[in-house]
PDBML (XML) file of the C-alpha atoms, coordinates in Angstrom:
<?xml version="1.0" encoding="UTF-8" ?>
<PDBx:datablock datablockName="MODEL"
   xmlns:PDBx="http://pdbml.pdb.org/schema/pdbx-v50.xsd"
   xmlns:xsi="http://www.w3.org/2001/XMLSchema-instance"
   xsi:schemaLocation="http://pdbml.pdb.org/schema/pdbx-v50.xsd pdbx-v50.xsd">
   <PDBx:atom_siteCategory>
      <PDBx:atom_site id="1">
         <PDBx:B_iso_or_equiv>0.00</PDBx:B_iso_or_equiv>
         <PDBx:Cartn_x>-0.173</PDBx:Cartn_x>
         <PDBx:Cartn_y>0.031</PDBx:Cartn_y>
         <PDBx:Cartn_z>0.406</PDBx:Cartn_z>
         <PDBx:auth_asym_id>A</PDBx:auth_asym_id>
         <PDBx:auth_atom_id>CA</PDBx:auth_atom_id>
         <PDBx:auth_comp_id>LYS</PDBx:auth_comp_id>
         <PDBx:auth_seq_id>1</PDBx:auth_seq_id>
         <PDBx:group_PDB>ATOM</PDBx:group_PDB>
         <PDBx:label_alt_id xsi:nil="true" />
         <PDBx:label_asym_id>A</PDBx:label_asym_id>
         <PDBx:label_atom_id>CA</PDBx:label_atom_id>
         <PDBx:label_comp_id>LYS</PDBx:label_comp_id>
         <PDBx:label_entity_id>1</PDBx:label_entity_id>
         <PDBx:label_seq_id>1</PDBx:label_seq_id>
         <PDBx:occupancy>1.00</PDBx:occupancy>
         <PDBx:pdbx_PDB_model_num>1</PDBx:pdbx_PDB_model_num>
         <PDBx:type_symbol>C</PDBx:type_symbol>
      </PDBx:atom_site>
      <PDBx:atom_site id="2">
         <PDBx:B_iso_or_equiv>0.00</PDBx:B_iso_or_equiv>
         <PDBx:Cartn_x>2.602</PDBx:Cartn_x>
         <PDBx:Cartn_y>2.519</PDBx:Cartn_y>
         <PDBx:Cartn_z>0.623</PDBx:Cartn_z>
         <PDBx:auth_asym_id>A</PDBx:auth_asym_id>
         <PDBx:auth_atom_id>CA</PDBx:auth_atom_id>
         <PDBx:auth_comp_id>PHE</PDBx:auth_comp_id>
         <PDBx:auth_seq_id>2</PDBx:auth_seq_id>
         <PDBx:group_PDB>ATOM</PDBx:group_PDB>
         <PDBx:label_alt_id xsi:nil="true" />
         <PDBx:label_asym_id>A</PDBx:label_asym_id>
         <PDBx:label_atom_id>CA</PDBx:label_atom_id>
         <PDBx:label_comp_id>PHE</PDBx:label_comp_id>
         <PDBx:label_entity_id>1</PDBx:label_entity_id>
         <PDBx:label_seq_id>2</PDBx:label_seq_id>
         <PDBx:occupancy>1.00</PDBx:occupancy>
         <PDBx:pdbx_PDB_model_num>1</PDBx:pdbx_PDB_model_num>
         <PDBx:type_symbol>C</PDBx:type_symbol>
      </PDBx:atom_site>
      <PDBx:atom_site id="3">
         <PDBx:B_iso_or_equiv>0.00</PDBx:B_iso_or_equiv>
         <PDBx:Cartn_x>4.077</PDBx:Cartn_x>
         <PDBx:Cartn_y>1.634</PDBx:Cartn_y>
         <PDBx:Cartn_z>-2.442</PDBx:Cartn_z>
         <PDBx:auth_asym_id>A</PDBx:auth_asym_id>
         <PDBx:auth_atom_id>CA</PDBx:auth_atom_id>
         <PDBx:auth_comp_id>GLY</PDBx:auth_comp_id>
         <PDBx:auth_seq_id>3</PDBx:auth_seq_id>
         <PDBx:group_PDB>ATOM</PDBx:group_PDB>
         <PDBx:label_alt_id xsi:nil="true" />
         <PDBx:label_asym_id>A</PDBx:label_asym_id>
         <PDBx:label_atom_id>CA</PDBx:label_atom_id>
         <PDBx:label_comp_id>GLY</PDBx:label_comp_id>
         <PDBx:label_entity_id>1</PDBx:label_entity_id>
         <PDBx:label_seq_id>3</PDBx:label_seq_id>
         <PDBx:occupancy>1.00</PDBx:occupancy>
         <PDBx:pdbx_PDB_model_num>1</PDBx:pdbx_PDB_model_num>
         <PDBx:type_symbol>C</PDBx:type_symbol>
      </PDBx:atom_site>
      <PDBx:atom_site id="4">
         <PDBx:B_iso_or_equiv>0.00</PDBx:B_iso_or_equiv>
         <PDBx:Cartn_x>7.610</PDBx:Cartn_x>
         <PDBx:Cartn_y>-0.299</PDBx:Cartn_y>
         <PDBx:Cartn_z>-1.784</PDBx:Cartn_z>
         <PDBx:auth_asym_id>A</PDBx:auth_asym_id>
         <PDBx:auth_atom_id>CA</PDBx:auth_atom_id>
         <PDBx:auth_comp_id>PHE</PDBx:auth_comp_id>
         <PDBx:auth_seq_id>4</PDBx:auth_seq_id>
         <PDBx:group_PDB>ATOM</PDBx:group_PDB>
         <PDBx:label_alt_id xsi:nil="true" />
         <PDBx:label_asym_id>A</PDBx:label_asym_id>
         <PDBx:label_atom_id>CA</PDBx:label_atom_id>
         <PDBx:label_comp_id>PHE</PDBx:label_comp_id>
         <PDBx:label_entity_id>1</PDBx:label_entity_id>
         <PDBx:label_seq_id>4</PDBx:label_seq_id>
         <PDBx:occupancy>1.00</PDBx:occupancy>
         <PDBx:pdbx_PDB_model_num>1</PDBx:pdbx_PDB_model_num>
         <PDBx:type_symbol>C</PDBx:type_symbol>
      </PDBx:atom_site>
      <PDBx:atom_site id="5">
         <PDBx:B_iso_or_equiv>0.00</PDBx:B_iso_or_equiv>
         <PDBx:Cartn_x>7.265</PDBx:Cartn_x>
         <PDBx:Cartn_y>-3.138</PDBx:Cartn_y>
         <PDBx:Cartn_z>-4.833</PDBx:Cartn_z>
         <PDBx:auth_asym_id>A</PDBx:auth_asym_id>
         <PDBx:auth_atom_id>CA</PDBx:auth_atom_id>
         <PDBx:auth_comp_id>ILE</PDBx:auth_comp_id>
         <PDBx:auth_seq_id>5</PDBx:auth_seq_id>
         <PDBx:group_PDB>ATOM</PDBx:group_PDB>
         <PDBx:label_alt_id xsi:nil="true" />
         <PDBx:label_asym_id>A</PDBx:label_asym_id>
         <PDBx:label_atom_id>CA</PDBx:label_atom_id>
         <PDBx:label_comp_id>ILE</PDBx:label_comp_id>
         <PDBx:label_entity_id>1</PDBx:label_entity_id>
         <PDBx:label_seq_id>5</PDBx:label_seq_id>
         <PDBx:occupancy>1.00</PDBx:occupancy>
         <PDBx:pdbx_PDB_model_num>1</PDBx:pdbx_PDB_model_num>
         <PDBx:type_symbol>C</PDBx:type_symbol>
      </PDBx:atom_site>
      <PDBx:atom_site id="6">
         <PDBx:B_iso_or_equiv>0.00</PDBx:B_iso_or_equiv>
         <PDBx:Cartn_x>9.049</PDBx:Cartn_x>
         <PDBx:Cartn_y>-3.842</PDBx:Cartn_y>
         <PDBx:Cartn_z>-7.595</PDBx:Cartn_z>
         <PDBx:auth_asym_id>A</PDBx:auth_asym_id>
         <PDBx:auth_atom_id>CA</PDBx:auth_atom_id>
         <PDBx:auth_comp_id>ASP</PDBx:auth_comp_id>
         <PDBx:auth_seq_id>6</PDBx:auth_seq_id>
         <PDBx:group_PDB>ATOM</PDBx:group_PDB>
         <PDBx:label_alt_id xsi:nil="true" />
         <PDBx:label_asym_id>A</PDBx:label_asym_id>
         <PDBx:label_atom_id>CA</PDBx:label_atom_id>
         <PDBx:label_comp_id>ASP</PDBx:label_comp_id>
         <PDBx:label_entity_id>1</PDBx:label_entity_id>
         <PDBx:label_seq_id>6</PDBx:label_seq_id>
         <PDBx:occupancy>1.00</PDBx:occupancy>
         <PDBx:pdbx_PDB_model_num>1</PDBx:pdbx_PDB_model_num>
         <PDBx:type_symbol>C</PDBx:type_symbol>
      </PDBx:atom_site>
      <PDBx:atom_site id="7">
         <PDBx:B_iso_or_equiv>0.00</PDBx:B_iso_or_equiv>
         <PDBx:Cartn_x>7.079</PDBx:Cartn_x>
         <PDBx:Cartn_y>-5.005</PDBx:Cartn_y>
         <PDBx:Cartn_z>-9.835</PDBx:Cartn_z>
         <PDBx:auth_asym_id>A</PDBx:auth_asym_id>
         <PDBx:auth_atom_id>CA</PDBx:auth_atom_id>
         <PDBx:auth_comp_id>PRO</PDBx:auth_comp_id>
         <PDBx:auth_seq_id>7</PDBx:auth_seq_id>
         <PDBx:group_PDB>ATOM</PDBx:group_PDB>
         <PDBx:label_alt_id xsi:nil="true" />
         <PDBx:label_asym_id>A</PDBx:label_asym_id>
         <PDBx:label_atom_id>CA</PDBx:label_atom_id>
         <PDBx:label_comp_id>PRO</PDBx:label_comp_id>
         <PDBx:label_entity_id>1</PDBx:label_entity_id>
         <PDBx:label_seq_id>7</PDBx:label_seq_id>
         <PDBx:occupancy>1.00</PDBx:occupancy>
         <PDBx:pdbx_PDB_model_num>1</PDBx:pdbx_PDB_model_num>
         <PDBx:type_symbol>C</PDBx:type_symbol>
      </PDBx:atom_site>
      <PDBx:atom_site id="8">
         <PDBx:B_iso_or_equiv>0.00</PDBx:B_iso_or_equiv>
         <PDBx:Cartn_x>9.832</PDBx:Cartn_x>
         <PDBx:Cartn_y>-8.033</PDBx:Cartn_y>
         <PDBx:Cartn_z>-11.090</PDBx:Cartn_z>
         <PDBx:auth_asym_id>A</PDBx:auth_asym_id>
         <PDBx:auth_atom_id>CA</PDBx:auth_atom_id>
         <PDBx:auth_comp_id>ASP</PDBx:auth_comp_id>
         <PDBx:auth_seq_id>8</PDBx:auth_seq_id>
         <PDBx:group_PDB>ATOM</PDBx:group_PDB>
         <PDBx:label_alt_id xsi:nil="true" />
         <PDBx:label_asym_id>A</PDBx:label_asym_id>
         <PDBx:label_atom_id>CA</PDBx:label_atom_id>
         <PDBx:label_comp_id>ASP</PDBx:label_comp_id>
         <PDBx:label_entity_id>1</PDBx:label_entity_id>
         <PDBx:label_seq_id>8</PDBx:label_seq_id>
         <PDBx:occupancy>1.00</PDBx:occupancy>
         <PDBx:pdbx_PDB_model_num>1</PDBx:pdbx_PDB_model_num>
         <PDBx:type_symbol>C</PDBx:type_symbol>
      </PDBx:atom_site>
      <PDBx:atom_site id="9">
         <PDBx:B_iso_or_equiv>0.00</PDBx:B_iso_or_equiv>
         <PDBx:Cartn_x>8.509</PDBx:Cartn_x>
         <PDBx:Cartn_y>-10.531</PDBx:Cartn_y>
         <PDBx:Cartn_z>-8.402</PDBx:Cartn_z>
         <PDBx:auth_asym_id>A</PDBx:auth_asym_id>
         <PDBx:auth_atom_id>CA</PDBx:auth_atom_id>
         <PDBx:auth_comp_id>PRO</PDBx:auth_comp_id>
         <PDBx:auth_seq_id>9</PDBx:auth_seq_id>
         <PDBx:group_PDB>ATOM</PDBx:group_PDB>
         <PDBx:label_alt_id xsi:nil="true" />
         <PDBx:label_asym_id>A</PDBx:label_asym_id>
         <PDBx:label_atom_id>CA</PDBx:label_atom_id>
         <PDBx:label_comp_id>PRO</PDBx:label_comp_id>
         <PDBx:label_entity_id>1</PDBx:label_entity_id>
         <PDBx:label_seq_id>9</PDBx:label_seq_id>
         <PDBx:occupancy>1.00</PDBx:occupancy>
         <PDBx:pdbx_PDB_model_num>1</PDBx:pdbx_PDB_model_num>
         <PDBx:type_symbol>C</PDBx:type_symbol>
      </PDBx:atom_site>
      <PDBx:atom_site id="10">
         <PDBx:B_iso_or_equiv>0.00</PDBx:B_iso_or_equiv>
         <PDBx:Cartn_x>11.843</PDBx:Cartn_x>
         <PDBx:Cartn_y>-12.593</PDBx:Cartn_y>
         <PDBx:Cartn_z>-8.409</PDBx:Cartn_z>
         <PDBx:auth_asym_id>A</PDBx:auth_asym_id>
         <PDBx:auth_atom_id>CA</PDBx:auth_atom_id>
         <PDBx:auth_comp_id>SER</PDBx:auth_comp_id>
         <PDBx:auth_seq_id>10</PDBx:auth_seq_id>
         <PDBx:group_PDB>ATOM</PDBx:group_PDB>
         <PDBx:label_alt_id xsi:nil="true" />
         <PDBx:label_asym_id>A</PDBx:label_asym_id>
         <PDBx:label_atom_id>CA</PDBx:label_atom_id>
         <PDBx:label_comp_id>SER</PDBx:label_comp_id>
         <PDBx:label_entity_id>1</PDBx:label_entity_id>
         <PDBx:label_seq_id>10</PDBx:label_seq_id>
         <PDBx:occupancy>1.00</PDBx:occupancy>
         <PDBx:pdbx_PDB_model_num>1</PDBx:pdbx_PDB_model_num>
         <PDBx:type_symbol>C</PDBx:type_symbol>
      </PDBx:atom_site>
      <PDBx:atom_site id="11">
         <PDBx:B_iso_or_equiv>0.00</PDBx:B_iso_or_equiv>
         <PDBx:Cartn_x>13.186</PDBx:Cartn_x>
         <PDBx:Cartn_y>-9.270</PDBx:Cartn_y>
         <PDBx:Cartn_z>-6.157</PDBx:Cartn_z>
         <PDBx:auth_asym_id>A</PDBx:auth_asym_id>
         <PDBx:auth_atom_id>CA</PDBx:auth_atom_id>
         <PDBx:auth_comp_id>ILE</PDBx:auth_comp_id>
         <PDBx:auth_seq_id>11</PDBx:auth_seq_id>
         <PDBx:group_PDB>ATOM</PDBx:group_PDB>
         <PDBx:label_alt_id xsi:nil="true" />
         <PDBx:label_asym_id>A</PDBx:label_asym_id>
         <PDBx:label_atom_id>CA</PDBx:label_atom_id>
         <PDBx:label_comp_id>ILE</PDBx:label_comp_id>
         <PDBx:label_entity_id>1</PDBx:label_entity_id>
         <PDBx:label_seq_id>11</PDBx:label_seq_id>
         <PDBx:occupancy>1.00</PDBx:occupancy>
         <PDBx:pdbx_PDB_model_num>1</PDBx:pdbx_PDB_model_num>
         <PDBx:type_symbol>C</PDBx:type_symbol>
      </PDBx:atom_site>
      <PDBx:atom_site id="12">
         <PDBx:B_iso_or_equiv>0.00</PDBx:B_iso_or_equiv>
         <PDBx:Cartn_x>10.222</PDBx:Cartn_x>
         <PDBx:Cartn_y>-7.951</PDBx:Cartn_y>
         <PDBx:Cartn_z>-4.920</PDBx:Cartn_z>
         <PDBx:auth_asym_id>A</PDBx:auth_asym_id>
         <PDBx:auth_atom_id>CA</PDBx:auth_atom_id>
         <PDBx:auth_comp_id>ASP</PDBx:auth_comp_id>
         <PDBx:auth_seq_id>12</PDBx:auth_seq_id>
         <PDBx:group_PDB>ATOM</PDBx:group_PDB>
         <PDBx:label_alt_id xsi:nil="true" />
         <PDBx:label_asym_id>A</PDBx:label_asym_id>
         <PDBx:label_atom_id>CA</PDBx:label_atom_id>
         <PDBx:label_comp_id>ASP</PDBx:label_comp_id>
         <PDBx:label_entity_id>1</PDBx:label_entity_id>
         <PDBx:label_seq_id>12</PDBx:label_seq_id>
         <PDBx:occupancy>1.00</PDBx:occupancy>
         <PDBx:pdbx_PDB_model_num>1</PDBx:pdbx_PDB_model_num>
         <PDBx:type_symbol>C</PDBx:type_symbol>
      </PDBx:atom_site>
      <PDBx:atom_site id="13">
         <PDBx:B_iso_or_equiv>0.00</PDBx:B_iso_or_equiv>
         <PDBx:Cartn_x>11.083</PDBx:Cartn_x>
         <PDBx:Cartn_y>-11.441</PDBx:Cartn_y>
         <PDBx:Cartn_z>-2.557</PDBx:Cartn_z>
         <PDBx:auth_asym_id>A</PDBx:auth_asym_id>
         <PDBx:auth_atom_id>CA</PDBx:auth_atom_id>
         <PDBx:auth_comp_id>VAL</PDBx:auth_comp_id>
         <PDBx:auth_seq_id>13</PDBx:auth_seq_id>
         <PDBx:group_PDB>ATOM</PDBx:group_PDB>
         <PDBx:label_alt_id xsi:nil="true" />
         <PDBx:label_asym_id>A</PDBx:label_asym_id>
         <PDBx:label_atom_id>CA</PDBx:label_atom_id>
         <PDBx:label_comp_id>VAL</PDBx:label_comp_id>
         <PDBx:label_entity_id>1</PDBx:label_entity_id>
         <PDBx:label_seq_id>13</PDBx:label_seq_id>
         <PDBx:occupancy>1.00</PDBx:occupancy>
         <PDBx:pdbx_PDB_model_num>1</PDBx:pdbx_PDB_model_num>
         <PDBx:type_symbol>C</PDBx:type_symbol>
      </PDBx:atom_site>
      <PDBx:atom_site id="14">
         <PDBx:B_iso_or_equiv>0.00</PDBx:B_iso_or_equiv>
         <PDBx:Cartn_x>14.389</PDBx:Cartn_x>
         <PDBx:Cartn_y>-9.899</PDBx:Cartn_y>
         <PDBx:Cartn_z>-1.712</PDBx:Cartn_z>
         <PDBx:auth_asym_id>A</PDBx:auth_asym_id>
         <PDBx:auth_atom_id>CA</PDBx:auth_atom_id>
         <PDBx:auth_comp_id>GLN</PDBx:auth_comp_id>
         <PDBx:auth_seq_id>14</PDBx:auth_seq_id>
         <PDBx:group_PDB>ATOM</PDBx:group_PDB>
         <PDBx:label_alt_id xsi:nil="true" />
         <PDBx:label_asym_id>A</PDBx:label_asym_id>
         <PDBx:label_atom_id>CA</PDBx:label_atom_id>
         <PDBx:label_comp_id>GLN</PDBx:label_comp_id>
         <PDBx:label_entity_id>1</PDBx:label_entity_id>
         <PDBx:label_seq_id>14</PDBx:label_seq_id>
         <PDBx:occupancy>1.00</PDBx:occupancy>
         <PDBx:pdbx_PDB_model_num>1</PDBx:pdbx_PDB_model_num>
         <PDBx:type_symbol>C</PDBx:type_symbol>
      </PDBx:atom_site>
      <PDBx:atom_site id="15">
         <PDBx:B_iso_or_equiv>0.00</PDBx:B_iso_or_equiv>
         <PDBx:Cartn_x>14.039</PDBx:Cartn_x>
         <PDBx:Cartn_y>-7.974</PDBx:Cartn_y>
         <PDBx:Cartn_z>0.901</PDBx:Cartn_z>
         <PDBx:auth_asym_id>A</PDBx:auth_asym_id>
         <PDBx:auth_atom_id>CA</PDBx:auth_atom_id>
         <PDBx:auth_comp_id>LYS</PDBx:auth_comp_id>
         <PDBx:auth_seq_id>15</PDBx:auth_seq_id>
         <PDBx:group_PDB>ATOM</PDBx:group_PDB>
         <PDBx:label_alt_id xsi:nil="true" />
         <PDBx:label_asym_id>A</PDBx:label_asym_id>
         <PDBx:label_atom_id>CA</PDBx:label_atom_id>
         <PDBx:label_comp_id>LYS</PDBx:label_comp_id>
         <PDBx:label_entity_id>1</PDBx:label_entity_id>
         <PDBx:label_seq_id>15</PDBx:label_seq_id>
         <PDBx:occupancy>1.00</PDBx:occupancy>
         <PDBx:pdbx_PDB_model_num>1</PDBx:pdbx_PDB_model_num>
         <PDBx:type_symbol>C</PDBx:type_symbol>
      </PDBx:atom_site>
      <PDBx:atom_site id="16">
         <PDBx:B_iso_or_equiv>0.00</PDBx:B_iso_or_equiv>
         <PDBx:Cartn_x>16.793</PDBx:Cartn_x>
         <PDBx:Cartn_y>-5.686</PDBx:Cartn_y>
         <PDBx:Cartn_z>0.359</PDBx:Cartn_z>
         <PDBx:auth_asym_id>A</PDBx:auth_asym_id>
         <PDBx:auth_atom_id>CA</PDBx:auth_atom_id>
         <PDBx:auth_comp_id>ARG</PDBx:auth_comp_id>
         <PDBx:auth_seq_id>16</PDBx:auth_seq_id>
         <PDBx:group_PDB>ATOM</PDBx:group_PDB>
         <PDBx:label_alt_id xsi:nil="true" />
         <PDBx:label_asym_id>A</PDBx:label_asym_id>
         <PDBx:label_atom_id>CA</PDBx:label_atom_id>
         <PDBx:label_comp_id>ARG</PDBx:label_comp_id>
         <PDBx:label_entity_id>1</PDBx:label_entity_id>
         <PDBx:label_seq_id>16</PDBx:label_seq_id>
         <PDBx:occupancy>1.00</PDBx:occupancy>
         <PDBx:pdbx_PDB_model_num>1</PDBx:pdbx_PDB_model_num>
         <PDBx:type_symbol>C</PDBx:type_symbol>
      </PDBx:atom_site>
      <PDBx:atom_site id="17">
         <PDBx:B_iso_or_equiv>0.00</PDBx:B_iso_or_equiv>
         <PDBx:Cartn_x>14.749</PDBx:Cartn_x>
         <PDBx:Cartn_y>-4.604</PDBx:Cartn_y>
         <PDBx:Cartn_z>-2.197</PDBx:Cartn_z>
         <PDBx:auth_asym_id>A</PDBx:auth_asym_id>
         <PDBx:auth_atom_id>CA</PDBx:auth_atom_id>
         <PDBx:auth_comp_id>SER</PDBx:auth_comp_id>
         <PDBx:auth_seq_id>17</PDBx:auth_seq_id>
         <PDBx:group_PDB>ATOM</PDBx:group_PDB>
         <PDBx:label_alt_id xsi:nil="true" />
         <PDBx:label_asym_id>A</PDBx:label_asym_id>
         <PDBx:label_atom_id>CA</PDBx:label_atom_id>
         <PDBx:label_comp_id>SER</PDBx:label_comp_id>
         <PDBx:label_entity_id>1</PDBx:label_entity_id>
         <PDBx:label_seq_id>17</PDBx:label_seq_id>
         <PDBx:occupancy>1.00</PDBx:occupancy>
         <PDBx:pdbx_PDB_model_num>1</PDBx:pdbx_PDB_model_num>
         <PDBx:type_symbol>C</PDBx:type_symbol>
      </PDBx:atom_site>
      <PDBx:atom_site id="18">
         <PDBx:B_iso_or_equiv>0.00</PDBx:B_iso_or_equiv>
         <PDBx:Cartn_x>12.812</PDBx:Cartn_x>
         <PDBx:Cartn_y>-2.567</PDBx:Cartn_y>
         <PDBx:Cartn_z>-0.006</PDBx:Cartn_z>
         <PDBx:auth_asym_id>A</PDBx:auth_asym_id>
         <PDBx:auth_atom_id>CA</PDBx:auth_atom_id>
         <PDBx:auth_comp_id>HIS</PDBx:auth_comp_id>
         <PDBx:auth_seq_id>18</PDBx:auth_seq_id>
         <PDBx:group_PDB>ATOM</PDBx:group_PDB>
         <PDBx:label_alt_id xsi:nil="true" />
         <PDBx:label_asym_id>A</PDBx:label_asym_id>
         <PDBx:label_atom_id>CA</PDBx:label_atom_id>
         <PDBx:label_comp_id>HIS</PDBx:label_comp_id>
         <PDBx:label_entity_id>1</PDBx:label_entity_id>
         <PDBx:label_seq_id>18</PDBx:label_seq_id>
         <PDBx:occupancy>1.00</PDBx:occupancy>
         <PDBx:pdbx_PDB_model_num>1</PDBx:pdbx_PDB_model_num>
         <PDBx:type_symbol>C</PDBx:type_symbol>
      </PDBx:atom_site>
      <PDBx:atom_site id="19">
         <PDBx:B_iso_or_equiv>0.00</PDBx:B_iso_or_equiv>
         <PDBx:Cartn_x>15.027</PDBx:Cartn_x>
         <PDBx:Cartn_y>-0.524</PDBx:Cartn_y>
         <PDBx:Cartn_z>2.571</PDBx:Cartn_z>
         <PDBx:auth_asym_id>A</PDBx:auth_asym_id>
         <PDBx:auth_atom_id>CA</PDBx:auth_atom_id>
         <PDBx:auth_comp_id>ILE</PDBx:auth_comp_id>
         <PDBx:auth_seq_id>19</PDBx:auth_seq_id>
         <PDBx:group_PDB>ATOM</PDBx:group_PDB>
         <PDBx:label_alt_id xsi:nil="true" />
         <PDBx:label_asym_id>A</PDBx:label_asym_id>
         <PDBx:label_atom_id>CA</PDBx:label_atom_id>
         <PDBx:label_comp_id>ILE</PDBx:label_comp_id>
         <PDBx:label_entity_id>1</PDBx:label_entity_id>
         <PDBx:label_seq_id>19</PDBx:label_seq_id>
         <PDBx:occupancy>1.00</PDBx:occupancy>
         <PDBx:pdbx_PDB_model_num>1</PDBx:pdbx_PDB_model_num>
         <PDBx:type_symbol>C</PDBx:type_symbol>
      </PDBx:atom_site>
      <PDBx:atom_site id="20">
         <PDBx:B_iso_or_equiv>0.00</PDBx:B_iso_or_equiv>
         <PDBx:Cartn_x>16.573</PDBx:Cartn_x>
         <PDBx:Cartn_y>1.646</PDBx:Cartn_y>
         <PDBx:Cartn_z>0.218</PDBx:Cartn_z>
         <PDBx:auth_asym_id>A</PDBx:auth_asym_id>
         <PDBx:auth_atom_id>CA</PDBx:auth_atom_id>
         <PDBx:auth_comp_id>GLY</PDBx:auth_comp_id>
         <PDBx:auth_seq_id>20</PDBx:auth_seq_id>
         <PDBx:group_PDB>ATOM</PDBx:group_PDB>
         <PDBx:label_alt_id xsi:nil="true" />
         <PDBx:label_asym_id>A</PDBx:label_asym_id>
         <PDBx:label_atom_id>CA</PDBx:label_atom_id>
         <PDBx:label_comp_id>GLY</PDBx:label_comp_id>
         <PDBx:label_entity_id>1</PDBx:label_entity_id>
         <PDBx:label_seq_id>20</PDBx:label_seq_id>
         <PDBx:occupancy>1.00</PDBx:occupancy>
         <PDBx:pdbx_PDB_model_num>1</PDBx:pdbx_PDB_model_num>
         <PDBx:type_symbol>C</PDBx:type_symbol>
      </PDBx:atom_site>
      <PDBx:atom_site id="21">
         <PDBx:B_iso_or_equiv>0.00</PDBx:B_iso_or_equiv>
         <PDBx:Cartn_x>13.502</PDBx:Cartn_x>
         <PDBx:Cartn_y>3.952</PDBx:Cartn_y>
         <PDBx:Cartn_z>0.177</PDBx:Cartn_z>
         <PDBx:auth_asym_id>A</PDBx:auth_asym_id>
         <PDBx:auth_atom_id>CA</PDBx:auth_atom_id>
         <PDBx:auth_comp_id>VAL</PDBx:auth_comp_id>
         <PDBx:auth_seq_id>21</PDBx:auth_seq_id>
         <PDBx:group_PDB>ATOM</PDBx:group_PDB>
         <PDBx:label_alt_id xsi:nil="true" />
         <PDBx:label_asym_id>A</PDBx:label_asym_id>
         <PDBx:label_atom_id>CA</PDBx:label_atom_id>
         <PDBx:label_comp_id>VAL</PDBx:label_comp_id>
         <PDBx:label_entity_id>1</PDBx:label_entity_id>
         <PDBx:label_seq_id>21</PDBx:label_seq_id>
         <PDBx:occupancy>1.00</PDBx:occupancy>
         <PDBx:pdbx_PDB_model_num>1</PDBx:pdbx_PDB_model_num>
         <PDBx:type_symbol>C</PDBx:type_symbol>
      </PDBx:atom_site>
      <PDBx:atom_site id="22">
         <PDBx:B_iso_or_equiv>0.00</PDBx:B_iso_or_equiv>
         <PDBx:Cartn_x>12.132</PDBx:Cartn_x>
         <PDBx:Cartn_y>7.392</PDBx:Cartn_y>
         <PDBx:Cartn_z>2.617</PDBx:Cartn_z>
         <PDBx:auth_asym_id>A</PDBx:auth_asym_id>
         <PDBx:auth_atom_id>CA</PDBx:auth_atom_id>
         <PDBx:auth_comp_id>VAL</PDBx:auth_comp_id>
         <PDBx:auth_seq_id>22</PDBx:auth_seq_id>
         <PDBx:group_PDB>ATOM</PDBx:group_PDB>
         <PDBx:label_alt_id xsi:nil="true" />
         <PDBx:label_asym_id>A</PDBx:label_asym_id>
         <PDBx:label_atom_id>CA</PDBx:label_atom_id>
         <PDBx:label_comp_id>VAL</PDBx:label_comp_id>
         <PDBx:label_entity_id>1</PDBx:label_entity_id>
         <PDBx:label_seq_id>22</PDBx:label_seq_id>
         <PDBx:occupancy>1.00</PDBx:occupancy>
         <PDBx:pdbx_PDB_model_num>1</PDBx:pdbx_PDB_model_num>
         <PDBx:type_symbol>C</PDBx:type_symbol>
      </PDBx:atom_site>
      <PDBx:atom_site id="23">
         <PDBx:B_iso_or_equiv>0.00</PDBx:B_iso_or_equiv>
         <PDBx:Cartn_x>8.780</PDBx:Cartn_x>
         <PDBx:Cartn_y>8.255</PDBx:Cartn_y>
         <PDBx:Cartn_z>2.353</PDBx:Cartn_z>
         <PDBx:auth_asym_id>A</PDBx:auth_asym_id>
         <PDBx:auth_atom_id>CA</PDBx:auth_atom_id>
         <PDBx:auth_comp_id>LEU</PDBx:auth_comp_id>
         <PDBx:auth_seq_id>23</PDBx:auth_seq_id>
         <PDBx:group_PDB>ATOM</PDBx:group_PDB>
         <PDBx:label_alt_id xsi:nil="true" />
         <PDBx:label_asym_id>A</PDBx:label_asym_id>
         <PDBx:label_atom_id>CA</PDBx:label_atom_id>
         <PDBx:label_comp_id>LEU</PDBx:label_comp_id>
         <PDBx:label_entity_id>1</PDBx:label_entity_id>
         <PDBx:label_seq_id>23</PDBx:label_seq_id>
         <PDBx:occupancy>1.00</PDBx:occupancy>
         <PDBx:pdbx_PDB_model_num>1</PDBx:pdbx_PDB_model_num>
         <PDBx:type_symbol>C</PDBx:type_symbol>
      </PDBx:atom_site>
      <PDBx:atom_site id="24">
         <PDBx:B_iso_or_equiv>0.00</PDBx:B_iso_or_equiv>
         <PDBx:Cartn_x>7.439</PDBx:Cartn_x>
         <PDBx:Cartn_y>10.800</PDBx:Cartn_y>
         <PDBx:Cartn_z>3.480</PDBx:Cartn_z>
         <PDBx:auth_asym_id>A</PDBx:auth_asym_id>
         <PDBx:auth_atom_id>CA</PDBx:auth_atom_id>
         <PDBx:auth_comp_id>TYR</PDBx:auth_comp_id>
         <PDBx:auth_seq_id>24</PDBx:auth_seq_id>
         <PDBx:group_PDB>ATOM</PDBx:group_PDB>
         <PDBx:label_alt_id xsi:nil="true" />
         <PDBx:label_asym_id>A</PDBx:label_asym_id>
         <PDBx:label_atom_id>CA</PDBx:label_atom_id>
         <PDBx:label_comp_id>TYR</PDBx:label_comp_id>
         <PDBx:label_entity_id>1</PDBx:label_entity_id>
         <PDBx:label_seq_id>24</PDBx:label_seq_id>
         <PDBx:occupancy>1.00</PDBx:occupancy>
         <PDBx:pdbx_PDB_model_num>1</PDBx:pdbx_PDB_model_num>
         <PDBx:type_symbol>C</PDBx:type_symbol>
      </PDBx:atom_site>
      <PDBx:atom_site id="25">
         <PDBx:B_iso_or_equiv>0.00</PDBx:B_iso_or_equiv>
         <PDBx:Cartn_x>4.059</PDBx:Cartn_x>
         <PDBx:Cartn_y>12.123</PDBx:Cartn_y>
         <PDBx:Cartn_z>3.557</PDBx:Cartn_z>
         <PDBx:auth_asym_id>A</PDBx:auth_asym_id>
         <PDBx:auth_atom_id>CA</PDBx:auth_atom_id>
         <PDBx:auth_comp_id>GLY</PDBx:auth_comp_id>
         <PDBx:auth_seq_id>25</PDBx:auth_seq_id>
         <PDBx:group_PDB>ATOM</PDBx:group_PDB>
         <PDBx:label_alt_id xsi:nil="true" />
         <PDBx:label_asym_id>A</PDBx:label_asym_id>
         <PDBx:label_atom_id>CA</PDBx:label_atom_id>
         <PDBx:label_comp_id>GLY</PDBx:label_comp_id>
         <PDBx:label_entity_id>1</PDBx:label_entity_id>
         <PDBx:label_seq_id>25</PDBx:label_seq_id>
         <PDBx:occupancy>1.00</PDBx:occupancy>
         <PDBx:pdbx_PDB_model_num>1</PDBx:pdbx_PDB_model_num>
         <PDBx:type_symbol>C</PDBx:type_symbol>
      </PDBx:atom_site>
   </PDBx:atom_siteCategory>
</PDBx:datablock>
């Protein structure tokens, strides 16, 4: 829901692919 996703399923399952961004709103 916060958009921390990757359209490539093989990358999306990797935890480290979602830790490089800070979101502010």
